[in-house]
Amino acid sequence: MFDPASLKYDGNGLIPAIAQDADSGEVLMMAWMNAESVARTLDTRRVTYWSRSRQAFWVKGESSGHVQELVELRVDCDRDCLLVLVRQTGPACHTNRRTCFYTAVRDGAEVGIMEPMA
């Protein structure tokens, strides 16, 4: 049985979690989890992060409706990073874009590569 305590957390008890669309493979966002948010995610199948700014659990989409349904949780080889495969409803980013990675650096300049969703 998987034990969230078996992961390697940083000094604040956090581990980076990369959310990826389970169907398209698109990287959607990166956020932080702690052992309890990992356990809650596995238990509810709704991705739960730890908000460093609010110091509180954050169930993705709880207020916006842009939920992340857990498909699979993967642990990297060093056990210090998670890949969270999800089915995303609506945009993943708080800027109303599908992904948080909507800025590219090209020829030394930042370039917006994605408009907000309608």
PDB file of N, CA and C in Angstrom:
ATOM      1  N   MET A   1       0.845  -1.183   0.000  1.00  0.00           N
ATOM      2  CA  MET A   1       0.000   0.000   0.000  1.00  0.00           C
ATOM      3  C   MET A   1       0.890   1.247   0.000  1.00  0.00           C
ATOM      4  N   PHE A   2       0.556   2.221  -0.819  1.00  0.00           N
ATOM      5  CA  PHE A   2       1.333   3.451  -0.921  1.00  0.00           C
ATOM      6  C   PHE A   2       1.152   4.300   0.332  1.00  0.00           C
ATOM      7  N   ASP A   3       2.264   4.806   0.843  1.00  0.00           N
ATOM      8  CA  ASP A   3       2.254   5.665   2.020  1.00  0.00           C
ATOM      9  C   ASP A   3       2.820   7.034   1.643  1.00  0.00           C
ATOM     10  N   PRO A   4       1.999   8.111   1.669  1.00  0.00           N
ATOM     11  CA  PRO A   4       2.501   9.445   1.331  1.00  0.00           C
ATOM     12  C   PRO A   4       3.719   9.862   2.161  1.00  0.00           C
ATOM     13  N   ALA A   5       3.877   9.323   3.353  1.00  0.00           N
ATOM     14  CA  ALA A   5       5.029   9.657   4.193  1.00  0.00           C
ATOM     15  C   ALA A   5       6.329   9.114   3.616  1.00  0.00           C
ATOM     16  N   SER A   6       6.242   8.203   2.647  1.00  0.00           N
ATOM     17  CA  SER A   6       7.439   7.630   2.029  1.00  0.00           C
ATOM     18  C   SER A   6       8.089   8.565   1.014  1.00  0.00           C
ATOM     19  N   LEU A   7       7.422   9.671   0.703  1.00  0.00           N
ATOM     20  CA  LEU A   7       7.966  10.640  -0.252  1.00  0.00           C
ATOM     21  C   LEU A   7       8.991  11.539   0.438  1.00  0.00           C
ATOM     22  N   LYS A   8       9.832  12.185  -0.366  1.00  0.00           N
ATOM     23  CA  LYS A   8      10.835  13.110   0.161  1.00  0.00           C
ATOM     24  C   LYS A   8      10.317  14.535   0.020  1.00  0.00           C
ATOM     25  N   TYR A   9       9.966  15.120   1.148  1.00  0.00           N
ATOM     26  CA  TYR A   9       9.437  16.480   1.182  1.00  0.00           C
ATOM     27  C   TYR A   9      10.570  17.453   1.505  1.00  0.00           C
ATOM     28  N   ASP A  10      10.384  18.721   1.121  1.00  0.00           N
ATOM     29  CA  ASP A  10      11.399  19.729   1.432  1.00  0.00           C
ATOM     30  C   ASP A  10      11.305  20.120   2.904  1.00  0.00           C
ATOM     31  N   GLY A  11      12.084  21.111   3.301  1.00  0.00           N
ATOM     32  CA  GLY A  11      12.132  21.547   4.690  1.00  0.00           C
ATOM     33  C   GLY A  11      10.812  22.076   5.226  1.00  0.00           C
ATOM     34  N   ASN A  12       9.910  22.449   4.323  1.00  0.00           N
ATOM     35  CA  ASN A  12       8.590  22.932   4.715  1.00  0.00           C
ATOM     36  C   ASN A  12       7.532  21.833   4.635  1.00  0.00           C
ATOM     37  N   GLY A  13       7.982  20.598   4.382  1.00  0.00           N
ATOM     38  CA  GLY A  13       7.046  19.481   4.284  1.00  0.00           C
ATOM     39  C   GLY A  13       6.292  19.428   2.974  1.00  0.00           C
ATOM     40  N   LEU A  14       6.868  20.044   1.928  1.00  0.00           N
ATOM     41  CA  LEU A  14       6.189  20.127   0.634  1.00  0.00           C
ATOM     42  C   LEU A  14       6.940  19.375  -0.452  1.00  0.00           C
ATOM     43  N   ILE A  15       6.194  18.986  -1.479  1.00  0.00           N
ATOM     44  CA  ILE A  15       6.752  18.310  -2.640  1.00  0.00           C
ATOM     45  C   ILE A  15       6.124  18.935  -3.885  1.00  0.00           C
ATOM     46  N   PRO A  16       6.923  19.220  -4.937  1.00  0.00           N
ATOM     47  CA  PRO A  16       6.338  19.779  -6.156  1.00  0.00           C
ATOM     48  C   PRO A  16       5.487  18.736  -6.870  1.00  0.00           C
ATOM     49  N   ALA A  17       4.367  19.203  -7.409  1.00  0.00           N
ATOM     50  CA  ALA A  17       3.446  18.342  -8.138  1.00  0.00           C
ATOM     51  C   ALA A  17       3.136  18.984  -9.486  1.00  0.00           C
ATOM     52  N   ILE A  18       3.452  18.279 -10.536  1.00  0.00           N
ATOM     53  CA  ILE A  18       3.225  18.765 -11.894  1.00  0.00           C
ATOM     54  C   ILE A  18       1.945  18.126 -12.410  1.00  0.00           C
ATOM     55  N   ALA A  19       0.964  18.956 -12.781  1.00  0.00           N
ATOM     56  CA  ALA A  19      -0.297  18.451 -13.313  1.00  0.00           C
ATOM     57  C   ALA A  19      -0.193  18.371 -14.833  1.00  0.00           C
ATOM     58  N   GLN A  20      -0.550  17.213 -15.365  1.00  0.00           N
ATOM     59  CA  GLN A  20      -0.477  16.955 -16.801  1.00  0.00           C
ATOM     60  C   GLN A  20      -1.809  16.379 -17.255  1.00  0.00           C
ATOM     61  N   ASP A  21      -2.294  16.837 -18.415  1.00  0.00           N
ATOM     62  CA  ASP A  21      -3.519  16.290 -18.974  1.00  0.00           C
ATOM     63  C   ASP A  21      -3.293  14.825 -19.330  1.00  0.00           C
ATOM     64  N   ALA A  22      -4.092  13.937 -18.778  1.00  0.00           N
ATOM     65  CA  ALA A  22      -3.899  12.494 -18.957  1.00  0.00           C
ATOM     66  C   ALA A  22      -4.122  12.060 -20.400  1.00  0.00           C
ATOM     67  N   ASP A  23      -4.933  12.795 -21.150  1.00  0.00           N
ATOM     68  CA  ASP A  23      -5.234  12.407 -22.523  1.00  0.00           C
ATOM     69  C   ASP A  23      -4.276  13.022 -23.539  1.00  0.00           C
ATOM     70  N   SER A  24      -4.020  14.323 -23.424  1.00  0.00           N
ATOM     71  CA  SER A  24      -3.194  15.012 -24.429  1.00  0.00           C
ATOM     72  C   SER A  24      -1.712  15.046 -24.080  1.00  0.00           C
ATOM     73  N   GLY A  25      -1.377  14.882 -22.791  1.00  0.00           N
ATOM     74  CA  GLY A  25       0.007  14.992 -22.353  1.00  0.00           C
ATOM     75  C   GLY A  25       0.446  16.422 -22.089  1.00  0.00           C
ATOM     76  N   GLU A  26      -0.449  17.386 -22.293  1.00  0.00           N
ATOM     77  CA  GLU A  26      -0.115  18.795 -22.076  1.00  0.00           C
ATOM     78  C   GLU A  26       0.175  19.050 -20.599  1.00  0.00           C
ATOM     79  N   VAL A  27       1.292  19.753 -20.318  1.00  0.00           N
ATOM     80  CA  VAL A  27       1.615  20.150 -18.955  1.00  0.00           C
ATOM     81  C   VAL A  27       0.739  21.350 -18.612  1.00  0.00           C
ATOM     82  N   LEU A  28      -0.010  21.239 -17.527  1.00  0.00           N
ATOM     83  CA  LEU A  28      -0.986  22.267 -17.174  1.00  0.00           C
ATOM     84  C   LEU A  28      -0.486  23.252 -16.129  1.00  0.00           C
ATOM     85  N   MET A  29       0.154  22.755 -15.081  1.00  0.00           N
ATOM     86  CA  MET A  29       0.551  23.634 -13.988  1.00  0.00           C
ATOM     87  C   MET A  29       1.493  22.898 -13.045  1.00  0.00           C
ATOM     88  N   MET A  30       2.069  23.650 -12.135  1.00  0.00           N
ATOM     89  CA  MET A  30       2.872  23.092 -11.053  1.00  0.00           C
ATOM     90  C   MET A  30       2.373  23.730  -9.768  1.00  0.00           C
ATOM     91  N   ALA A  31       2.212  22.913  -8.754  1.00  0.00           N
ATOM     92  CA  ALA A  31       1.804  23.418  -7.445  1.00  0.00           C
ATOM     93  C   ALA A  31       2.465  22.534  -6.394  1.00  0.00           C
ATOM     94  N   TRP A  32       2.166  22.797  -5.137  1.00  0.00           N
ATOM     95  CA  TRP A  32       2.794  22.075  -4.034  1.00  0.00           C
ATOM     96  C   TRP A  32       1.794  21.184  -3.329  1.00  0.00           C
ATOM     97  N   MET A  33       2.280  20.079  -2.820  1.00  0.00           N
ATOM     98  CA  MET A  33       1.477  19.179  -2.004  1.00  0.00           C
ATOM     99  C   MET A  33       2.250  18.869  -0.731  1.00  0.00           C
ATOM    100  N   ASN A  34       1.523  18.500   0.305  1.00  0.00           N
ATOM    101  CA  ASN A  34       2.144  17.931   1.493  1.00  0.00           C
ATOM    102  C   ASN A  34       1.579  16.522   1.653  1.00  0.00           C
ATOM    103  N   ALA A  35       1.984  15.801   2.657  1.00  0.00           N
ATOM    104  CA  ALA A  35       1.546  14.414   2.808  1.00  0.00           C
ATOM    105  C   ALA A  35       0.028  14.302   2.908  1.00  0.00           C
ATOM    106  N   GLU A  36      -0.583  15.230   3.620  1.00  0.00           N
ATOM    107  CA  GLU A  36      -2.037  15.188   3.768  1.00  0.00           C
ATOM    108  C   GLU A  36      -2.760  15.477   2.451  1.00  0.00           C
ATOM    109  N   SER A  37      -2.253  16.437   1.654  1.00  0.00           N
ATOM    110  CA  SER A  37      -2.916  16.721   0.378  1.00  0.00           C
ATOM    111  C   SER A  37      -2.750  15.565  -0.600  1.00  0.00           C
ATOM    112  N   VAL A  38      -1.621  14.853  -0.536  1.00  0.00           N
ATOM    113  CA  VAL A  38      -1.447  13.654  -1.353  1.00  0.00           C
ATOM    114  C   VAL A  38      -2.483  12.611  -0.937  1.00  0.00           C
ATOM    115  N   ALA A  39      -2.620  12.394   0.362  1.00  0.00           N
ATOM    116  CA  ALA A  39      -3.588  11.412   0.862  1.00  0.00           C
ATOM    117  C   ALA A  39      -5.015  11.797   0.475  1.00  0.00           C
ATOM    118  N   ARG A  40      -5.366  13.074   0.609  1.00  0.00           N
ATOM    119  CA  ARG A  40      -6.712  13.534   0.247  1.00  0.00           C
ATOM    120  C   ARG A  40      -6.971  13.343  -1.248  1.00  0.00           C
ATOM    121  N   THR A  41      -5.963  13.641  -2.059  1.00  0.00           N
ATOM    122  CA  THR A  41      -6.098  13.471  -3.511  1.00  0.00           C
ATOM    123  C   THR A  41      -6.378  12.017  -3.851  1.00  0.00           C
ATOM    124  N   LEU A  42      -5.622  11.112  -3.253  1.00  0.00           N
ATOM    125  CA  LEU A  42      -5.816   9.689  -3.524  1.00  0.00           C
ATOM    126  C   LEU A  42      -7.166   9.199  -3.017  1.00  0.00           C
ATOM    127  N   ASP A  43      -7.617   9.737  -1.908  1.00  0.00           N
ATOM    128  CA  ASP A  43      -8.872   9.309  -1.304  1.00  0.00           C
ATOM    129  C   ASP A  43     -10.088   9.820  -2.078  1.00  0.00           C
ATOM    130  N   THR A  44     -10.057  11.091  -2.495  1.00  0.00           N
ATOM    131  CA  THR A  44     -11.228  11.721  -3.121  1.00  0.00           C
ATOM    132  C   THR A  44     -11.197  11.697  -4.639  1.00  0.00           C
ATOM    133  N   ARG A  45     -10.010  11.494  -5.221  1.00  0.00           N
ATOM    134  CA  ARG A  45      -9.791  11.553  -6.681  1.00  0.00           C
ATOM    135  C   ARG A  45      -9.957  12.973  -7.221  1.00  0.00           C
ATOM    136  N   ARG A  46     -10.073  13.967  -6.345  1.00  0.00           N
ATOM    137  CA  ARG A  46     -10.065  15.391  -6.713  1.00  0.00           C
ATOM    138  C   ARG A  46      -8.732  15.945  -6.226  1.00  0.00           C
ATOM    139  N   VAL A  47      -7.977  16.547  -7.127  1.00  0.00           N
ATOM    140  CA  VAL A  47      -6.619  16.951  -6.786  1.00  0.00           C
ATOM    141  C   VAL A  47      -6.644  18.077  -5.758  1.00  0.00           C
ATOM    142  N   THR A  48      -5.910  17.845  -4.686  1.00  0.00           N
ATOM    143  CA  THR A  48      -5.829  18.781  -3.569  1.00  0.00           C
ATOM    144  C   THR A  48      -4.372  19.201  -3.387  1.00  0.00           C
ATOM    145  N   TYR A  49      -4.134  20.492  -3.416  1.00  0.00           N
ATOM    146  CA  TYR A  49      -2.794  21.047  -3.246  1.00  0.00           C
ATOM    147  C   TYR A  49      -2.708  21.739  -1.890  1.00  0.00           C
ATOM    148  N   TRP A  50      -1.487  22.167  -1.552  1.00  0.00           N
ATOM    149  CA  TRP A  50      -1.268  22.984  -0.366  1.00  0.00           C
ATOM    150  C   TRP A  50      -0.918  24.387  -0.837  1.00  0.00           C
ATOM    151  N   SER A  51      -1.704  25.372  -0.432  1.00  0.00           N
ATOM    152  CA  SER A  51      -1.452  26.764  -0.790  1.00  0.00           C
ATOM    153  C   SER A  51      -0.443  27.353   0.176  1.00  0.00           C
ATOM    154  N   ARG A  52       0.731  27.707  -0.331  1.00  0.00           N
ATOM    155  CA  ARG A  52       1.750  28.310   0.529  1.00  0.00           C
ATOM    156  C   ARG A  52       1.342  29.697   0.988  1.00  0.00           C
ATOM    157  N   SER A  53       0.651  30.452   0.133  1.00  0.00           N
ATOM    158  CA  SER A  53       0.268  31.815   0.509  1.00  0.00           C
ATOM    159  C   SER A  53      -0.856  31.825   1.544  1.00  0.00           C
ATOM    160  N   ARG A  54      -1.811  30.917   1.430  1.00  0.00           N
ATOM    161  CA  ARG A  54      -2.933  30.869   2.369  1.00  0.00           C
ATOM    162  C   ARG A  54      -2.688  29.914   3.535  1.00  0.00           C
ATOM    163  N   GLN A  55      -1.638  29.071   3.405  1.00  0.00           N
ATOM    164  CA  GLN A  55      -1.366  28.051   4.422  1.00  0.00           C
ATOM    165  C   GLN A  55      -2.619  27.204   4.671  1.00  0.00           C
ATOM    166  N   ALA A  56      -3.181  26.713   3.553  1.00  0.00           N
ATOM    167  CA  ALA A  56      -4.417  25.937   3.634  1.00  0.00           C
ATOM    168  C   ALA A  56      -4.502  24.977   2.447  1.00  0.00           C
ATOM    169  N   PHE A  57      -5.321  23.948   2.609  1.00  0.00           N
ATOM    170  CA  PHE A  57      -5.561  23.031   1.503  1.00  0.00           C
ATOM    171  C   PHE A  57      -6.352  23.741   0.421  1.00  0.00           C
ATOM    172  N   TRP A  58      -6.100  23.341  -0.809  1.00  0.00           N
ATOM    173  CA  TRP A  58      -6.712  23.971  -1.972  1.00  0.00           C
ATOM    174  C   TRP A  58      -7.149  22.848  -2.911  1.00  0.00           C
ATOM    175  N   VAL A  59      -8.454  22.588  -2.943  1.00  0.00           N
ATOM    176  CA  VAL A  59      -8.997  21.595  -3.861  1.00  0.00           C
ATOM    177  C   VAL A  59      -9.184  22.302  -5.191  1.00  0.00           C
ATOM    178  N   LYS A  60      -8.430  21.879  -6.186  1.00  0.00           N
ATOM    179  CA  LYS A  60      -8.453  22.548  -7.489  1.00  0.00           C
ATOM    180  C   LYS A  60      -9.879  22.573  -8.032  1.00  0.00           C
ATOM    181  N   GLY A  61     -10.360  23.763  -8.332  1.00  0.00           N
ATOM    182  CA  GLY A  61     -11.677  23.947  -8.917  1.00  0.00           C
ATOM    183  C   GLY A  61     -12.806  24.082  -7.924  1.00  0.00           C
ATOM    184  N   GLU A  62     -12.495  24.052  -6.634  1.00  0.00           N
ATOM    185  CA  GLU A  62     -13.539  24.127  -5.611  1.00  0.00           C
ATOM    186  C   GLU A  62     -14.370  25.405  -5.737  1.00  0.00           C
ATOM    187  N   SER A  63     -13.720  26.525  -6.037  1.00  0.00           N
ATOM    188  CA  SER A  63     -14.468  27.776  -6.194  1.00  0.00           C
ATOM    189  C   SER A  63     -14.723  28.127  -7.657  1.00  0.00           C
ATOM    190  N   SER A  64     -13.823  27.734  -8.562  1.00  0.00           N
ATOM    191  CA  SER A  64     -13.961  28.105  -9.978  1.00  0.00           C
ATOM    192  C   SER A  64     -14.759  27.102 -10.796  1.00  0.00           C
ATOM    193  N   GLY A  65     -14.838  25.867 -10.327  1.00  0.00           N
ATOM    194  CA  GLY A  65     -15.466  24.810 -11.119  1.00  0.00           C
ATOM    195  C   GLY A  65     -14.506  24.150 -12.087  1.00  0.00           C
ATOM    196  N   HIS A  66     -13.263  24.624 -12.134  1.00  0.00           N
ATOM    197  CA  HIS A  66     -12.250  24.091 -13.046  1.00  0.00           C
ATOM    198  C   HIS A  66     -11.492  22.966 -12.348  1.00  0.00           C
ATOM    199  N   VAL A  67     -12.180  21.874 -12.139  1.00  0.00           N
ATOM    200  CA  VAL A  67     -11.659  20.784 -11.323  1.00  0.00           C
ATOM    201  C   VAL A  67     -10.633  19.930 -12.058  1.00  0.00           C
ATOM    202  N   GLN A  68      -9.810  19.265 -11.267  1.00  0.00           N
ATOM    203  CA  GLN A  68      -8.873  18.270 -11.768  1.00  0.00           C
ATOM    204  C   GLN A  68      -9.256  16.929 -11.159  1.00  0.00           C
ATOM    205  N   GLU A  69      -9.697  16.015 -12.015  1.00  0.00           N
ATOM    206  CA  GLU A  69     -10.016  14.659 -11.585  1.00  0.00           C
ATOM    207  C   GLU A  69      -8.757  13.816 -11.725  1.00  0.00           C
ATOM    208  N   LEU A  70      -8.348  13.175 -10.651  1.00  0.00           N
ATOM    209  CA  LEU A  70      -7.143  12.357 -10.668  1.00  0.00           C
ATOM    210  C   LEU A  70      -7.349  11.118 -11.527  1.00  0.00           C
ATOM    211  N   VAL A  71      -6.437  10.904 -12.467  1.00  0.00           N
ATOM    212  CA  VAL A  71      -6.401   9.680 -13.259  1.00  0.00           C
ATOM    213  C   VAL A  71      -5.331   8.758 -12.692  1.00  0.00           C
ATOM    214  N   GLU A  72      -4.141   9.343 -12.443  1.00  0.00           N
ATOM    215  CA  GLU A  72      -3.034   8.551 -11.906  1.00  0.00           C
ATOM    216  C   GLU A  72      -2.031   9.475 -11.235  1.00  0.00           C
ATOM    217  N   LEU A  73      -1.456   9.016 -10.152  1.00  0.00           N
ATOM    218  CA  LEU A  73      -0.386   9.741  -9.469  1.00  0.00           C
ATOM    219  C   LEU A  73       0.902   8.978  -9.704  1.00  0.00           C
ATOM    220  N   ARG A  74       1.932   9.678 -10.178  1.00  0.00           N
ATOM    221  CA  ARG A  74       3.230   9.055 -10.414  1.00  0.00           C
ATOM    222  C   ARG A  74       4.289   9.733  -9.546  1.00  0.00           C
ATOM    223  N   VAL A  75       5.235   8.918  -9.091  1.00  0.00           N
ATOM    224  CA  VAL A  75       6.331   9.376  -8.240  1.00  0.00           C
ATOM    225  C   VAL A  75       7.614   9.273  -9.045  1.00  0.00           C
ATOM    226  N   ASP A  76       8.453  10.319  -9.011  1.00  0.00           N
ATOM    227  CA  ASP A  76       9.708  10.252  -9.769  1.00  0.00           C
ATOM    228  C   ASP A  76      10.717   9.348  -9.062  1.00  0.00           C
ATOM    229  N   CYS A  77      11.822   9.078  -9.747  1.00  0.00           N
ATOM    230  CA  CYS A  77      12.823   8.117  -9.275  1.00  0.00           C
ATOM    231  C   CYS A  77      13.452   8.507  -7.945  1.00  0.00           C
ATOM    232  N   ASP A  78      13.544   9.793  -7.644  1.00  0.00           N
ATOM    233  CA  ASP A  78      14.121  10.249  -6.377  1.00  0.00           C
ATOM    234  C   ASP A  78      13.064  10.406  -5.285  1.00  0.00           C
ATOM    235  N   ARG A  79      11.801  10.210  -5.649  1.00  0.00           N
ATOM    236  CA  ARG A  79      10.668  10.327  -4.730  1.00  0.00           C
ATOM    237  C   ARG A  79      10.502  11.745  -4.183  1.00  0.00           C
ATOM    238  N   ASP A  80      11.005  12.762  -4.945  1.00  0.00           N
ATOM    239  CA  ASP A  80      10.899  14.139  -4.475  1.00  0.00           C
ATOM    240  C   ASP A  80      10.117  15.047  -5.424  1.00  0.00           C
ATOM    241  N   CYS A  81       9.360  14.423  -6.330  1.00  0.00           N
ATOM    242  CA  CYS A  81       8.517  15.177  -7.257  1.00  0.00           C
ATOM    243  C   CYS A  81       7.386  14.261  -7.716  1.00  0.00           C
ATOM    244  N   LEU A  82       6.209  14.848  -7.913  1.00  0.00           N
ATOM    245  CA  LEU A  82       5.053  14.081  -8.342  1.00  0.00           C
ATOM    246  C   LEU A  82       4.580  14.527  -9.719  1.00  0.00           C
ATOM    247  N   LEU A  83       4.070  13.584 -10.478  1.00  0.00           N
ATOM    248  CA  LEU A  83       3.379  13.860 -11.730  1.00  0.00           C
ATOM    249  C   LEU A  83       1.933  13.446 -11.494  1.00  0.00           C
ATOM    250  N   VAL A  84       1.034  14.411 -11.638  1.00  0.00           N
ATOM    251  CA  VAL A  84      -0.375  14.171 -11.374  1.00  0.00           C
ATOM    252  C   VAL A  84      -1.104  14.184 -12.720  1.00  0.00           C
ATOM    253  N   LEU A  85      -1.499  13.016 -13.185  1.00  0.00           N
ATOM    254  CA  LEU A  85      -2.227  12.910 -14.446  1.00  0.00           C
ATOM    255  C   LEU A  85      -3.698  13.156 -14.151  1.00  0.00           C
ATOM    256  N   VAL A  86      -4.278  14.127 -14.863  1.00  0.00           N
ATOM    257  CA  VAL A  86      -5.630  14.591 -14.536  1.00  0.00           C
ATOM    258  C   VAL A  86      -6.515  14.686 -15.774  1.00  0.00           C
ATOM    259  N   ARG A  87      -7.803  14.738 -15.509  1.00  0.00           N
ATOM    260  CA  ARG A  87      -8.779  15.179 -16.496  1.00  0.00           C
ATOM    261  C   ARG A  87      -9.204  16.564 -16.016  1.00  0.00           C
ATOM    262  N   GLN A  88      -8.831  17.565 -16.794  1.00  0.00           N
ATOM    263  CA  GLN A  88      -9.049  18.965 -16.424  1.00  0.00           C
ATOM    264  C   GLN A  88     -10.371  19.460 -16.991  1.00  0.00           C
ATOM    265  N   THR A  89     -11.177  20.078 -16.149  1.00  0.00           N
ATOM    266  CA  THR A  89     -12.396  20.754 -16.591  1.00  0.00           C
ATOM    267  C   THR A  89     -12.096  22.235 -16.650  1.00  0.00           C
ATOM    268  N   GLY A  90     -12.220  22.848 -17.841  1.00  0.00           N
ATOM    269  CA  GLY A  90     -11.952  24.276 -17.985  1.00  0.00           C
ATOM    270  C   GLY A  90     -10.464  24.564 -17.891  1.00  0.00           C
ATOM    271  N   PRO A  91     -10.116  25.848 -17.750  1.00  0.00           N
ATOM    272  CA  PRO A  91      -8.708  26.221 -17.674  1.00  0.00           C
ATOM    273  C   PRO A  91      -8.058  25.774 -16.367  1.00  0.00           C
ATOM    274  N   ALA A  92      -6.769  25.459 -16.439  1.00  0.00           N
ATOM    275  CA  ALA A  92      -6.019  25.092 -15.234  1.00  0.00           C
ATOM    276  C   ALA A  92      -5.436  26.322 -14.544  1.00  0.00           C
ATOM    277  N   CYS A  93      -5.149  27.352 -15.320  1.00  0.00           N
ATOM    278  CA  CYS A  93      -4.476  28.543 -14.784  1.00  0.00           C
ATOM    279  C   CYS A  93      -5.478  29.576 -14.269  1.00  0.00           C
ATOM    280  N   HIS A  94      -5.089  30.270 -13.205  1.00  0.00           N
ATOM    281  CA  HIS A  94      -5.952  31.316 -12.644  1.00  0.00           C
ATOM    282  C   HIS A  94      -6.115  32.497 -13.599  1.00  0.00           C
ATOM    283  N   THR A  95      -5.293  32.566 -14.669  1.00  0.00           N
ATOM    284  CA  THR A  95      -5.417  33.626 -15.676  1.00  0.00           C
ATOM    285  C   THR A  95      -6.443  33.260 -16.743  1.00  0.00           C
ATOM    286  N   ASN A  96      -7.135  32.150 -16.550  1.00  0.00           N
ATOM    287  CA  ASN A  96      -8.165  31.654 -17.458  1.00  0.00           C
ATOM    288  C   ASN A  96      -7.584  31.066 -18.746  1.00  0.00           C
ATOM    289  N   ARG A  97      -6.338  30.604 -18.668  1.00  0.00           N
ATOM    290  CA  ARG A  97      -5.720  29.911 -19.796  1.00  0.00           C
ATOM    291  C   ARG A  97      -5.710  28.414 -19.487  1.00  0.00           C
ATOM    292  N   ARG A  98      -5.642  27.629 -20.528  1.00  0.00           N
ATOM    293  CA  ARG A  98      -5.648  26.171 -20.375  1.00  0.00           C
ATOM    294  C   ARG A  98      -4.488  25.710 -19.498  1.00  0.00           C
ATOM    295  N   THR A  99      -3.308  26.328 -19.670  1.00  0.00           N
ATOM    296  CA  THR A  99      -2.103  25.962 -18.949  1.00  0.00           C
ATOM    297  C   THR A  99      -1.457  27.200 -18.343  1.00  0.00           C
ATOM    298  N   CYS A 100      -0.695  27.004 -17.288  1.00  0.00           N
ATOM    299  CA  CYS A 100       0.053  28.115 -16.693  1.00  0.00           C
ATOM    300  C   CYS A 100       1.292  28.464 -17.530  1.00  0.00           C
ATOM    301  N   PHE A 101       1.665  27.576 -18.431  1.00  0.00           N
ATOM    302  CA  PHE A 101       2.873  27.773 -19.236  1.00  0.00           C
ATOM    303  C   PHE A 101       2.523  28.412 -20.571  1.00  0.00           C
ATOM    304  N   TYR A 102       2.074  29.669 -20.518  1.00  0.00           N
ATOM    305  CA  TYR A 102       1.626  30.383 -21.716  1.00  0.00           C
ATOM    306  C   TYR A 102       2.613  31.463 -22.168  1.00  0.00           C
ATOM    307  N   THR A 103       3.791  31.489 -21.562  1.00  0.00           N
ATOM    308  CA  THR A 103       4.824  32.450 -21.948  1.00  0.00           C
ATOM    309  C   THR A 103       6.067  31.695 -22.387  1.00  0.00           C
ATOM    310  N   ALA A 104       6.559  32.015 -23.578  1.00  0.00           N
ATOM    311  CA  ALA A 104       7.786  31.413 -24.097  1.00  0.00           C
ATOM    312  C   ALA A 104       8.890  32.463 -24.093  1.00  0.00           C
ATOM    313  N   VAL A 105      10.120  32.015 -23.989  1.00  0.00           N
ATOM    314  CA  VAL A 105      11.269  32.902 -24.142  1.00  0.00           C
ATOM    315  C   VAL A 105      11.884  32.568 -25.491  1.00  0.00           C
ATOM    316  N   ARG A 106      11.801  33.522 -26.409  1.00  0.00           N
ATOM    317  CA  ARG A 106      12.296  33.324 -27.768  1.00  0.00           C
ATOM    318  C   ARG A 106      13.229  34.465 -28.126  1.00  0.00           C
ATOM    319  N   ASP A 107      14.424  34.105 -28.519  1.00  0.00           N
ATOM    320  CA  ASP A 107      15.447  35.110 -28.868  1.00  0.00           C
ATOM    321  C   ASP A 107      15.621  36.128 -27.755  1.00  0.00           C
ATOM    322  N   GLY A 108      15.577  35.661 -26.521  1.00  0.00           N
ATOM    323  CA  GLY A 108      15.820  36.515 -25.375  1.00  0.00           C
ATOM    324  C   GLY A 108      14.640  37.344 -24.925  1.00  0.00           C
ATOM    325  N   ALA A 109      13.490  37.191 -25.574  1.00  0.00           N
ATOM    326  CA  ALA A 109      12.314  37.980 -25.211  1.00  0.00           C
ATOM    327  C   ALA A 109      11.161  37.069 -24.789  1.00  0.00           C
ATOM    328  N   GLU A 110      10.365  37.557 -23.838  1.00  0.00           N
ATOM    329  CA  GLU A 110       9.173  36.823 -23.439  1.00  0.00           C
ATOM    330  C   GLU A 110       8.067  37.066 -24.463  1.00  0.00           C
ATOM    331  N   VAL A 111       7.428  35.983 -24.858  1.00  0.00           N
ATOM    332  CA  VAL A 111       6.373  36.054 -25.870  1.00  0.00           C
ATOM    333  C   VAL A 111       5.157  35.291 -25.357  1.00  0.00           C
ATOM    334  N   GLY A 112       4.007  35.946 -25.337  1.00  0.00           N
ATOM    335  CA  GLY A 112       2.769  35.266 -24.969  1.00  0.00           C
ATOM    336  C   GLY A 112       2.357  34.340 -26.102  1.00  0.00           C
ATOM    337  N   ILE A 113       2.127  33.077 -25.790  1.00  0.00           N
ATOM    338  CA  ILE A 113       1.803  32.113 -26.841  1.00  0.00           C
ATOM    339  C   ILE A 113       0.378  31.569 -26.727  1.00  0.00           C
ATOM    340  N   MET A 114      -0.384  32.092 -25.773  1.00  0.00           N
ATOM    341  CA  MET A 114      -1.736  31.568 -25.579  1.00  0.00           C
ATOM    342  C   MET A 114      -2.631  32.647 -25.009  1.00  0.00           C
ATOM    343  N   GLU A 115      -3.785  32.812 -25.598  1.00  0.00           N
ATOM    344  CA  GLU A 115      -4.773  33.766 -25.120  1.00  0.00           C
ATOM    345  C   GLU A 115      -5.652  33.099 -24.047  1.00  0.00           C
ATOM    346  N   PRO A 116      -6.268  33.906 -23.185  1.00  0.00           N
ATOM    347  CA  PRO A 116      -7.211  33.329 -22.220  1.00  0.00           C
ATOM    348  C   PRO A 116      -8.357  32.635 -22.951  1.00  0.00           C
ATOM    349  N   MET A 117      -8.944  31.657 -22.277  1.00  0.00           N
ATOM    350  CA  MET A 117     -10.071  30.926 -22.849  1.00  0.00           C
ATOM    351  C   MET A 117     -11.315  31.811 -22.826  1.00  0.00           C
ATOM    352  N   ALA A 118     -12.177  31.615 -23.791  1.00  0.00           N
ATOM    353  CA  ALA A 118     -13.416  32.403 -23.871  1.00  0.00           C
ATOM    354  C   ALA A 118     -14.403  31.986 -22.820  1.00  0.00           C
TER     355      ALA A 118
END
